[in-house]
Amino acid sequence: MNWFTGTVLYILIWWVLLFAVLPFGARGGDLPDPLTGWRGAPARPYLGRKVIATTLLAAVVWGGAYALIKSPWISFRHGYFAAPQD
């Protein structure tokens, strides 16, 4: 994996994990809308903490993905997942 592929992989992992981390600790307003019951956006979203947590978690997941890609466990060049030879 070259640096460009690694960077793109990290950005994709970070973006997916951001949406997984965003709901943690989110609490809506105190009074719901009487018509729809919607409480609106969170009063204190803690976006800075969530970005930091997402960055750290993405680094761990990216490290695992990098180790799996570099390992011989899954290979598309030879073995079970290999493309047929011409």
C-alpha atoms as a PDB file:
ATOM      1  CA  MET A   1       0.000   0.000   0.000  1.00  0.00           C
ATOM      2  CA  ASN A   2       1.501   3.333  -0.985  1.00  0.00           C
ATOM      3  CA  TRP A   3       1.004   6.611   0.896  1.00  0.00           C
ATOM      4  CA  PHE A   4      -1.878   7.767  -1.315  1.00  0.00           C
ATOM      5  CA  THR A   5      -3.864   4.553  -0.857  1.00  0.00           C
ATOM      6  CA  GLY A   6      -3.172   4.603   2.878  1.00  0.00           C
ATOM      7  CA  THR A   7      -4.365   8.205   3.165  1.00  0.00           C
ATOM      8  CA  VAL A   8      -7.551   7.537   1.195  1.00  0.00           C
ATOM      9  CA  LEU A   9      -8.236   4.455   3.317  1.00  0.00           C
ATOM     10  CA  TYR A  10      -7.742   6.481   6.521  1.00  0.00           C
ATOM     11  CA  ILE A  11     -10.104   9.229   5.326  1.00  0.00           C
ATOM     12  CA  LEU A  12     -12.788   6.686   4.425  1.00  0.00           C
ATOM     13  CA  ILE A  13     -12.436   4.936   7.792  1.00  0.00           C
ATOM     14  CA  TRP A  14     -12.512   8.292   9.616  1.00  0.00           C
ATOM     15  CA  TRP A  15     -15.655   9.413   7.802  1.00  0.00           C
ATOM     16  CA  VAL A  16     -17.544   6.180   8.518  1.00  0.00           C
ATOM     17  CA  LEU A  17     -16.491   6.188  12.175  1.00  0.00           C
ATOM     18  CA  LEU A  18     -17.528   9.826  12.577  1.00  0.00           C
ATOM     19  CA  PHE A  19     -21.127   8.832  11.925  1.00  0.00           C
ATOM     20  CA  ALA A  20     -20.745   5.975  14.404  1.00  0.00           C
ATOM     21  CA  VAL A  21     -19.366   8.294  17.126  1.00  0.00           C
ATOM     22  CA  LEU A  22     -21.729  11.267  16.648  1.00  0.00           C
ATOM     23  CA  PRO A  23     -24.722   9.823  18.562  1.00  0.00           C
ATOM     24  CA  PHE A  24     -22.681   9.120  21.740  1.00  0.00           C
ATOM     25  CA  GLY A  25     -23.806  11.462  24.509  1.00  0.00           C
ATOM     26  CA  ALA A  26     -26.282  13.339  22.307  1.00  0.00           C
ATOM     27  CA  ARG A  27     -29.325  14.540  24.178  1.00  0.00           C
ATOM     28  CA  GLY A  28     -32.032  16.675  22.624  1.00  0.00           C
ATOM     29  CA  GLY A  29     -33.743  19.676  24.148  1.00  0.00           C
ATOM     30  CA  ASP A  30     -35.834  19.409  27.296  1.00  0.00           C
ATOM     31  CA  LEU A  31     -39.238  20.096  25.768  1.00  0.00           C
ATOM     32  CA  PRO A  32     -40.269  18.215  22.622  1.00  0.00           C
ATOM     33  CA  ASP A  33     -42.263  19.876  19.871  1.00  0.00           C
ATOM     34  CA  PRO A  34     -45.949  19.289  20.711  1.00  0.00           C
ATOM     35  CA  LEU A  35     -46.857  18.521  17.108  1.00  0.00           C
ATOM     36  CA  THR A  36     -44.004  16.216  16.038  1.00  0.00           C
ATOM     37  CA  GLY A  37     -42.291  15.216  19.283  1.00  0.00           C
ATOM     38  CA  TRP A  38     -38.901  16.209  17.835  1.00  0.00           C
ATOM     39  CA  ARG A  39     -36.446  17.532  20.414  1.00  0.00           C
ATOM     40  CA  GLY A  40     -34.122  19.253  17.953  1.00  0.00           C
ATOM     41  CA  ALA A  41     -30.355  19.367  17.819  1.00  0.00           C
ATOM     42  CA  PRO A  42     -28.333  18.392  20.902  1.00  0.00           C
ATOM     43  CA  ALA A  43     -27.881  21.175  23.434  1.00  0.00           C
ATOM     44  CA  ARG A  44     -24.183  20.310  23.940  1.00  0.00           C
ATOM     45  CA  PRO A  45     -22.884  18.255  20.999  1.00  0.00           C
ATOM     46  CA  TYR A  46     -19.197  18.082  22.171  1.00  0.00           C
ATOM     47  CA  LEU A  47     -17.991  18.029  18.558  1.00  0.00           C
ATOM     48  CA  GLY A  48     -14.352  18.628  19.497  1.00  0.00           C
ATOM     49  CA  ARG A  49     -14.279  15.554  21.721  1.00  0.00           C
ATOM     50  CA  LYS A  50     -16.021  13.497  19.057  1.00  0.00           C
ATOM     51  CA  VAL A  51     -13.545  14.549  16.363  1.00  0.00           C
ATOM     52  CA  ILE A  52     -10.620  13.612  18.618  1.00  0.00           C
ATOM     53  CA  ALA A  53     -12.230  10.288  19.533  1.00  0.00           C
ATOM     54  CA  THR A  54     -12.961   9.584  15.867  1.00  0.00           C
ATOM     55  CA  THR A  55      -9.363  10.385  14.908  1.00  0.00           C
ATOM     56  CA  LEU A  56      -7.923   8.053  17.540  1.00  0.00           C
ATOM     57  CA  LEU A  57     -10.372   5.268  16.785  1.00  0.00           C
ATOM     58  CA  ALA A  58      -9.748   5.627  13.040  1.00  0.00           C
ATOM     59  CA  ALA A  59      -5.998   5.330  13.648  1.00  0.00           C
ATOM     60  CA  VAL A  60      -6.541   2.049  15.499  1.00  0.00           C
ATOM     61  CA  VAL A  61      -8.883   0.667  12.825  1.00  0.00           C
ATOM     62  CA  TRP A  62      -6.519   1.847  10.052  1.00  0.00           C
ATOM     63  CA  GLY A  63      -3.619   0.072  11.806  1.00  0.00           C
ATOM     64  CA  GLY A  64      -5.648  -3.134  11.871  1.00  0.00           C
ATOM     65  CA  ALA A  65      -6.591  -2.747   8.212  1.00  0.00           C
ATOM     66  CA  TYR A  66      -2.963  -2.045   7.293  1.00  0.00           C
ATOM     67  CA  ALA A  67      -1.792  -5.136   9.183  1.00  0.00           C
ATOM     68  CA  LEU A  68      -4.454  -7.258   7.480  1.00  0.00           C
ATOM     69  CA  ILE A  69      -3.558  -5.919   4.035  1.00  0.00           C
ATOM     70  CA  LYS A  70       0.162  -6.562   4.551  1.00  0.00           C
ATOM     71  CA  SER A  71      -0.373 -10.007   6.087  1.00  0.00           C
ATOM     72  CA  PRO A  72      -0.592 -13.204   4.027  1.00  0.00           C
ATOM     73  CA  TRP A  73      -4.028 -14.048   5.485  1.00  0.00           C
ATOM     74  CA  ILE A  74      -5.982 -12.410   2.668  1.00  0.00           C
ATOM     75  CA  SER A  75      -4.272 -12.247  -0.691  1.00  0.00           C
ATOM     76  CA  PHE A  76      -5.734 -11.575  -4.099  1.00  0.00           C
ATOM     77  CA  ARG A  77      -2.521 -12.661  -5.820  1.00  0.00           C
ATOM     78  CA  HIS A  78      -2.466 -16.312  -4.721  1.00  0.00           C
ATOM     79  CA  GLY A  79      -4.655 -18.571  -2.618  1.00  0.00           C
ATOM     80  CA  TYR A  80      -8.412 -18.845  -2.317  1.00  0.00           C
ATOM     81  CA  PHE A  81      -9.207 -15.235  -3.303  1.00  0.00           C
ATOM     82  CA  ALA A  82      -6.791 -15.135  -6.258  1.00  0.00           C
ATOM     83  CA  ALA A  83      -8.009 -14.243  -9.714  1.00  0.00           C
ATOM     84  CA  PRO A  84      -7.849 -17.085 -12.232  1.00  0.00           C
ATOM     85  CA  GLN A  85      -4.654 -17.274 -14.253  1.00  0.00           C
ATOM     86  CA  ASP A  86      -4.868 -16.803 -18.019  1.00  0.00           C
END
